Protein backbone atom coordinates (compact mmCIF):
# COMPACT_ATOMS: atom_id res chain seq x y z
CA MET A 1 13.40 -17.13 -23.83
CA ALA A 2 14.09 -15.64 -20.42
CA ILE A 3 15.65 -12.18 -20.44
CA CYS A 4 17.89 -10.94 -17.64
CA VAL A 5 18.13 -7.27 -16.66
CA ARG A 6 20.83 -5.88 -14.40
CA PHE A 7 21.06 -2.57 -12.61
CA GLN A 8 24.09 -0.50 -11.69
CA PRO A 9 25.38 0.70 -9.29
CA GLY A 10 23.45 -1.52 -6.85
CA ASP A 11 24.00 -4.82 -8.67
CA TYR A 12 20.31 -5.82 -8.74
CA THR A 13 19.17 -8.52 -11.16
CA PHE A 14 15.81 -9.98 -12.17
CA MET A 15 14.23 -11.86 -15.07
CA LEU A 16 11.51 -10.72 -17.48
CA GLU A 17 8.65 -12.65 -19.00
CA PRO A 18 7.81 -12.13 -22.70
CA GLY A 19 6.04 -8.84 -23.35
CA GLU A 20 6.79 -7.25 -19.97
CA THR A 21 8.30 -3.83 -19.52
CA VAL A 22 11.21 -3.51 -17.13
CA LEU A 23 9.01 -1.68 -14.62
CA GLU A 24 6.25 -4.31 -14.76
CA ALA A 25 8.69 -7.19 -14.25
CA GLY A 26 10.46 -5.50 -11.35
CA LEU A 27 7.28 -4.58 -9.49
CA ARG A 28 5.85 -8.06 -10.03
CA GLN A 29 8.87 -9.57 -8.31
CA GLY A 30 8.82 -7.22 -5.36
CA PHE A 31 11.51 -4.77 -6.45
CA ARG A 32 10.95 -1.13 -5.63
CA LEU A 33 11.54 1.04 -8.70
CA LEU A 34 10.94 4.75 -8.34
CA HIS A 35 7.96 5.71 -10.52
CA ALA A 36 4.69 7.62 -10.31
CA CYS A 37 2.87 6.76 -13.52
CA ASP A 38 -0.55 6.50 -11.89
CA ASN A 39 -0.15 9.86 -10.18
CA GLY A 40 0.44 11.77 -13.43
CA VAL A 41 4.16 12.32 -12.76
CA CYS A 42 6.25 11.20 -15.72
CA GLN A 43 9.95 10.49 -16.33
CA ILE A 44 10.72 9.57 -12.72
CA CYS A 45 11.70 6.08 -13.93
CA ARG A 46 14.24 7.44 -16.47
CA ALA A 47 17.36 5.26 -16.63
CA ASP A 48 20.54 4.98 -18.71
CA LEU A 49 20.73 1.92 -20.96
CA VAL A 50 24.31 0.77 -20.61
CA GLU A 51 24.12 -2.38 -22.70
CA GLY A 52 21.53 -4.39 -24.58
CA GLN A 53 18.62 -3.93 -26.96
CA ILE A 54 15.11 -2.80 -26.14
CA GLU A 55 11.78 -2.20 -27.78
CA ARG A 56 10.65 1.26 -26.72
CA ILE A 57 6.93 2.06 -26.69
CA ALA A 58 6.23 5.51 -28.11
CA TYR A 59 3.94 7.93 -26.23
CA GLN A 60 1.64 9.46 -28.79
CA ALA A 61 0.65 6.79 -31.29
CA GLU A 62 1.82 3.86 -29.16
CA LYS A 63 4.12 2.87 -32.04
CA LYS A 64 6.98 0.54 -31.27
CA ARG A 65 10.40 1.15 -32.70
CA PRO A 66 13.26 -1.29 -32.03
CA GLN A 67 16.44 0.31 -30.78
CA ALA A 68 19.81 -1.40 -30.57
CA ILE A 69 21.71 0.76 -28.10
CA ASN A 70 25.03 0.26 -26.37
CA ASP A 71 25.55 3.89 -25.34
CA ARG A 72 25.38 4.70 -21.65
CA SER A 73 24.20 8.24 -22.48
CA SER A 74 20.99 6.90 -24.09
CA GLN A 75 18.13 7.34 -21.62
CA VAL A 76 14.94 5.29 -21.52
CA LEU A 77 11.84 5.14 -19.37
CA LEU A 78 11.60 1.78 -17.61
CA CYS A 79 7.80 1.85 -17.92
CA ARG A 80 8.15 1.99 -21.74
CA ALA A 81 11.13 -0.33 -22.23
CA LYS A 82 10.68 -3.96 -23.34
CA PRO A 83 14.09 -5.66 -23.62
CA TYR A 84 14.56 -8.35 -26.24
CA THR A 85 18.14 -9.12 -25.18
CA ASP A 86 19.82 -9.17 -21.78
CA CYS A 87 20.26 -5.56 -20.66
CA THR A 88 22.16 -3.48 -18.15
CA PHE A 89 20.74 -0.19 -16.85
CA TYR A 90 22.20 2.56 -14.70
CA PHE A 91 19.41 3.55 -12.29
CA GLN A 92 19.74 4.57 -8.67
CA GLY A 93 16.02 4.52 -7.89
CA ILE A 94 15.74 0.78 -7.25
CA ARG A 95 15.60 -1.26 -4.07
CA GLY A 96 15.34 -4.99 -3.57
CA PRO A 97 12.20 -6.71 -2.27
CA ASN A 98 11.26 -5.36 1.16
CA GLU A 99 14.32 -3.11 1.15
CA LEU A 100 13.46 0.38 2.35
CA GLU A 101 15.42 2.52 4.78
CA ALA A 102 13.48 4.31 7.52
CA LYS A 103 14.07 8.07 7.36
CA THR A 104 12.94 11.07 9.38
CA PHE A 105 11.18 13.93 7.59
CA ALA A 106 10.13 17.34 8.83
CA MET A 107 6.57 17.27 7.47
CA GLN A 108 4.40 20.32 6.98
CA ILE A 109 0.96 19.89 8.54
CA GLN A 110 -1.04 20.64 5.42
CA ASP A 111 -4.54 20.32 6.83
CA ILE A 112 -6.70 18.62 9.45
CA LYS A 113 -10.24 17.62 8.50
CA PRO A 114 -12.87 15.94 10.70
CA LEU A 115 -14.25 12.72 9.21
CA THR A 116 -16.57 12.05 12.17
CA ASP A 117 -16.99 13.58 15.61
CA ALA A 118 -13.81 11.84 16.78
CA ILE A 119 -11.89 10.73 13.65
CA TYR A 120 -9.67 13.20 11.82
CA GLN A 121 -7.92 13.13 8.47
CA VAL A 122 -4.44 14.60 8.80
CA ARG A 123 -2.50 15.43 5.64
CA LEU A 124 1.26 15.90 5.90
CA LEU A 125 3.52 17.26 3.16
CA ALA A 126 7.15 16.23 2.77
CA PRO A 127 9.80 18.88 2.01
CA ALA A 128 10.07 20.07 -1.59
CA GLY A 129 12.05 17.63 -3.69
CA SER A 130 11.37 14.71 -1.33
CA ILE A 131 9.01 11.84 -2.02
CA PRO A 132 8.84 9.59 1.08
CA GLU A 133 9.48 5.97 0.18
CA PHE A 134 7.09 3.43 1.64
CA PHE A 135 5.05 0.45 0.55
CA ALA A 136 1.27 0.52 0.57
CA GLY A 137 0.16 -0.73 3.96
CA GLN A 138 3.09 0.51 6.04
CA TYR A 139 2.92 2.93 8.96
CA LEU A 140 4.92 5.77 10.48
CA GLN A 141 5.85 7.25 13.84
CA LEU A 142 5.12 10.87 14.66
CA ILE A 143 7.96 12.22 16.79
CA ILE A 144 6.14 14.26 19.44
CA PRO A 145 7.75 15.35 22.73
CA GLY A 146 6.50 13.25 25.62
CA LEU A 147 4.77 10.65 23.40
CA ASN A 148 6.56 7.43 22.48
CA ASN A 149 3.67 5.52 20.91
CA ALA A 150 2.42 7.87 18.19
CA TYR A 151 2.27 5.21 15.44
CA PHE A 152 -0.26 5.57 12.62
CA SER A 153 -1.02 3.69 9.43
CA ILE A 154 -0.45 5.63 6.24
CA ALA A 155 -3.78 6.00 4.46
CA ASN A 156 -2.58 6.66 0.91
CA ALA A 157 -0.57 4.89 -1.75
CA PRO A 158 3.08 5.89 -2.26
CA GLY A 159 4.42 8.11 -5.02
CA THR A 160 3.72 11.68 -3.91
CA ARG A 161 4.92 14.14 -1.25
CA THR A 162 1.65 13.76 0.65
CA VAL A 163 1.14 11.40 3.59
CA GLU A 164 -2.42 10.94 4.87
CA LEU A 165 -3.32 9.72 8.37
CA HIS A 166 -6.64 8.95 10.09
CA VAL A 167 -6.46 9.67 13.81
CA GLU A 168 -9.22 8.49 16.14
CA ALA A 169 -9.22 10.76 19.19
CA GLN A 170 -12.17 9.67 21.29
CA PRO A 171 -12.63 11.47 24.63
CA GLY A 172 -10.62 9.51 27.14
CA HIS A 173 -8.05 8.31 24.62
CA VAL A 174 -5.33 10.38 26.26
CA SER A 175 -2.52 9.67 23.80
CA ALA A 176 -4.56 10.26 20.65
CA VAL A 177 -6.08 13.46 22.06
CA ALA A 178 -2.56 14.69 22.90
CA VAL A 179 -1.44 13.95 19.35
CA MET A 180 -4.29 15.99 17.88
CA ASP A 181 -3.67 18.87 20.31
CA TYR A 182 -0.02 18.94 19.24
CA LEU A 183 -0.81 18.82 15.52
CA ARG A 184 -3.32 21.66 15.79
CA GLN A 185 -0.71 23.87 17.49
CA GLN A 186 2.20 23.17 15.16
CA ALA A 187 3.06 23.94 11.54
CA VAL A 188 5.59 21.09 11.21
CA VAL A 189 5.90 17.64 12.74
CA LYS A 190 8.72 15.13 12.40
CA ALA A 191 7.74 11.71 11.07
CA ARG A 192 9.83 8.55 10.76
CA LEU A 193 8.90 6.08 8.03
CA PRO A 194 8.39 3.48 6.77
CA MET A 195 7.63 0.81 9.34
CA GLY A 196 5.74 -2.49 9.28
CA ASN A 197 5.79 -5.76 7.35
CA CYS A 198 2.15 -5.90 6.25
CA PHE A 199 2.29 -4.30 2.82
CA LEU A 200 2.20 -4.74 -0.94
CA SER A 201 5.37 -3.98 -2.87
CA GLY A 202 4.06 -5.27 -6.19
CA VAL A 203 0.92 -6.47 -7.94
CA PRO A 204 -0.06 -9.93 -6.62
CA ARG A 205 -1.04 -12.76 -8.92
CA ALA A 206 -3.57 -14.07 -6.45
CA ASN A 207 -6.99 -13.04 -5.20
CA VAL A 208 -6.91 -10.48 -2.41
CA ILE A 209 -9.14 -10.14 0.66
CA LEU A 210 -8.93 -6.96 2.71
CA ILE A 211 -10.49 -7.04 6.19
CA ALA A 212 -10.81 -4.00 8.44
CA ALA A 213 -12.48 -3.24 11.75
CA GLY A 214 -13.19 0.40 12.57
CA THR A 215 -10.29 2.70 11.75
CA GLY A 216 -8.35 -0.31 10.50
CA PHE A 217 -9.76 1.07 7.26
CA THR A 218 -6.77 3.43 7.16
CA GLN A 219 -4.26 0.73 6.25
CA ILE A 220 -6.74 -1.00 3.94
CA LYS A 221 -7.32 2.28 2.09
CA ALA A 222 -3.62 2.50 1.22
CA LEU A 223 -3.58 -1.08 -0.09
CA ALA A 224 -6.74 -0.49 -2.12
CA GLU A 225 -5.52 2.81 -3.57
CA TYR A 226 -2.31 1.10 -4.65
CA LEU A 227 -4.10 -1.78 -6.40
CA HIS A 228 -7.09 0.07 -7.85
CA PRO A 229 -5.33 1.80 -10.78
CA GLN A 230 -3.16 -1.24 -11.57
CA SER A 231 -4.38 -2.71 -14.83
CA ALA A 232 -2.09 -5.69 -14.20
CA PHE A 233 -4.23 -6.71 -11.21
CA GLU A 234 -6.87 -8.93 -12.80
CA LYS A 235 -7.77 -11.17 -9.86
CA GLU A 236 -10.71 -10.82 -7.47
CA LEU A 237 -10.55 -8.38 -4.57
CA THR A 238 -13.07 -8.40 -1.72
CA PHE A 239 -13.09 -5.80 1.04
CA TYR A 240 -14.90 -6.54 4.31
CA TRP A 241 -15.33 -3.61 6.68
CA GLY A 242 -16.82 -4.29 10.08
CA VAL A 243 -18.14 -1.62 12.46
CA ARG A 244 -20.49 -1.59 15.43
CA ARG A 245 -22.89 0.95 13.95
CA PRO A 246 -23.43 2.29 10.39
CA SER A 247 -22.46 5.81 11.47
CA GLU A 248 -18.90 4.56 12.15
CA MET A 249 -18.34 3.61 8.50
CA TYR A 250 -17.01 7.07 7.75
CA ALA A 251 -15.67 6.33 4.25
CA ARG A 252 -18.34 3.99 2.94
CA ALA A 253 -18.78 6.09 -0.21
CA THR A 254 -15.10 5.62 -1.02
CA ALA A 255 -15.31 1.84 -0.73
CA GLU A 256 -18.49 1.75 -2.81
CA ARG A 257 -16.81 3.85 -5.49
CA TRP A 258 -13.95 1.32 -5.76
CA GLU A 259 -16.50 -1.42 -6.35
CA GLN A 260 -18.40 0.56 -8.98
CA VAL A 261 -15.33 1.30 -11.08
CA ARG A 262 -13.86 -2.22 -11.25
CA ASP A 263 -15.89 -5.35 -11.98
CA ASN A 264 -13.51 -7.61 -10.04
CA TRP A 265 -13.82 -5.58 -6.81
CA HIS A 266 -16.40 -6.35 -4.14
CA PHE A 267 -17.28 -4.43 -0.98
CA VAL A 268 -19.06 -6.09 1.95
CA PRO A 269 -20.07 -3.78 4.83
CA VAL A 270 -20.70 -5.58 8.13
CA PHE A 271 -22.66 -4.00 11.00
CA ALA A 272 -22.83 -5.54 14.47
CA ASP A 273 -25.44 -3.03 15.71
CA ASN A 274 -23.96 -2.85 19.20
CA PRO A 275 -22.45 0.34 20.72
CA ASP A 276 -20.22 -1.52 23.18
CA ASN A 277 -16.61 -1.26 21.99
CA GLU A 278 -15.59 -4.20 24.19
CA TRP A 279 -18.29 -6.52 22.86
CA PRO A 280 -16.45 -9.22 20.86
CA GLY A 281 -19.51 -10.03 18.80
CA HIS A 282 -18.67 -7.48 16.10
CA HIS A 283 -15.49 -9.43 15.38
CA GLU A 284 -17.47 -12.65 15.06
CA GLU A 285 -19.97 -11.06 12.69
CA LEU A 286 -17.12 -9.87 10.50
CA VAL A 287 -15.54 -13.32 10.38
CA LYS A 288 -18.90 -14.92 9.59
CA ALA A 289 -19.30 -12.61 6.63
CA VAL A 290 -15.88 -13.59 5.29
CA LEU A 291 -16.52 -17.31 5.69
CA ALA A 292 -19.98 -17.04 4.13
CA ASP A 293 -18.49 -16.24 0.73
CA ASP A 294 -16.93 -18.84 -1.53
CA HIS A 295 -13.20 -18.11 -1.59
CA ASP A 296 -10.39 -20.22 -3.03
CA TRP A 297 -8.18 -19.97 0.03
CA GLN A 298 -5.17 -21.61 -1.62
CA GLN A 299 -5.16 -18.83 -4.22
CA THR A 300 -5.92 -15.92 -1.88
CA LEU A 301 -3.89 -13.40 0.13
CA VAL A 302 -5.56 -11.92 3.21
CA PHE A 303 -4.65 -8.55 4.75
CA VAL A 304 -6.24 -7.75 8.12
CA SER A 305 -6.21 -4.48 10.06
CA GLY A 306 -7.74 -4.09 13.50
CA SER A 307 -7.19 -4.84 17.16
CA PRO A 308 -5.19 -7.90 18.25
CA THR A 309 -8.42 -9.62 19.35
CA MET A 310 -10.02 -9.04 15.96
CA VAL A 311 -6.92 -10.16 14.03
CA TYR A 312 -6.44 -13.39 15.96
CA THR A 313 -10.17 -14.17 15.84
CA THR A 314 -9.94 -13.88 12.06
CA LEU A 315 -6.75 -15.94 11.83
CA ASP A 316 -8.18 -18.73 13.99
CA ALA A 317 -11.23 -18.93 11.74
CA LEU A 318 -9.49 -18.81 8.36
CA LEU A 319 -6.72 -21.35 8.95
CA PRO A 320 -9.18 -24.25 9.52
CA ALA A 321 -11.08 -23.08 6.44
CA GLY A 322 -7.99 -23.77 4.33
CA LEU A 323 -6.02 -20.51 4.22
CA PRO A 324 -2.25 -21.17 4.25
CA GLU A 325 -0.71 -19.39 7.23
CA ASN A 326 1.82 -17.59 5.02
CA HIS A 327 -1.09 -16.03 3.09
CA PHE A 328 -2.23 -14.08 6.17
CA PHE A 329 -0.77 -10.60 6.77
CA SER A 330 -1.24 -8.20 9.69
CA ASP A 331 0.98 -5.85 11.67
CA VAL A 332 -0.52 -7.39 14.82
CA LEU A 333 1.53 -10.54 14.21
CA GLU A 334 4.66 -8.43 14.71
CA TYR A 335 3.78 -6.01 17.52
CA ALA A 336 1.45 -8.28 19.53
CA PRO A 337 2.63 -11.89 19.00
CA ARG A 338 0.92 -14.55 21.03
């Protein structure tokens, strides 16, 4: 029997499948419920049960004790609550699918660490008491005087005060070099987030392919870090990372570690062995690697991060192979439409 849960004061409603917790059902359907279970932060999803009956999973011995509660003062954790009647909760930490408001934060520049000769990891820290809301895969804008295009993918999953960026500042890349110069000289930088429509707001019930070229790995890392600890994700995930030379694969050990920990994860490094950044062949080699594997395109979601040329080369190859167009996700489709 379908069970309906409602939330006050925002008037959100969704249905549960048998055996699901409220948190699991909401995330599966794209709702954003404030929680941080996988980051070791408990009780963030605490809500008031206004009406209805739930089965509450105990912490220590994992015992289940039915509770028939109609008292608004009775608090429950949504990650431990399994309703067996229609329920109403009072919980302000919920947003509908794809519903996040962009906000500006004064972020402390926590540290800057070189990943290669020209790629830097930048870690920002939100003010105390603030956890920036974003979906895995979204990006932000650094508000820097004189620079209007300081947009960077967020490299970590949501749920903490920390925001990680990977900035490629090759000599001659004037804007990126200016960004790094500014960050090195400041203690605080303003950041506006979230932005972008290429993201995961819940655990998909389909296979997932992640495709990155170069520092497109940044966005892919956030998606992977969101999915990796999710026990509910039982489908196949394959990550293809294409670079011109092996030395450019600056986080290969991280990708290999994901594969080692989960049996349903696969990592495919692709090297074009050509130093010319303008040579389109490294895109073609990446696409060939994707097409060489046996994927069920009708049951697969594809997330692609790279230059417009790389993204559209990939799209043009996968659609004829059988991928539905609405299964293809990339920020390029929004900021560089053709």
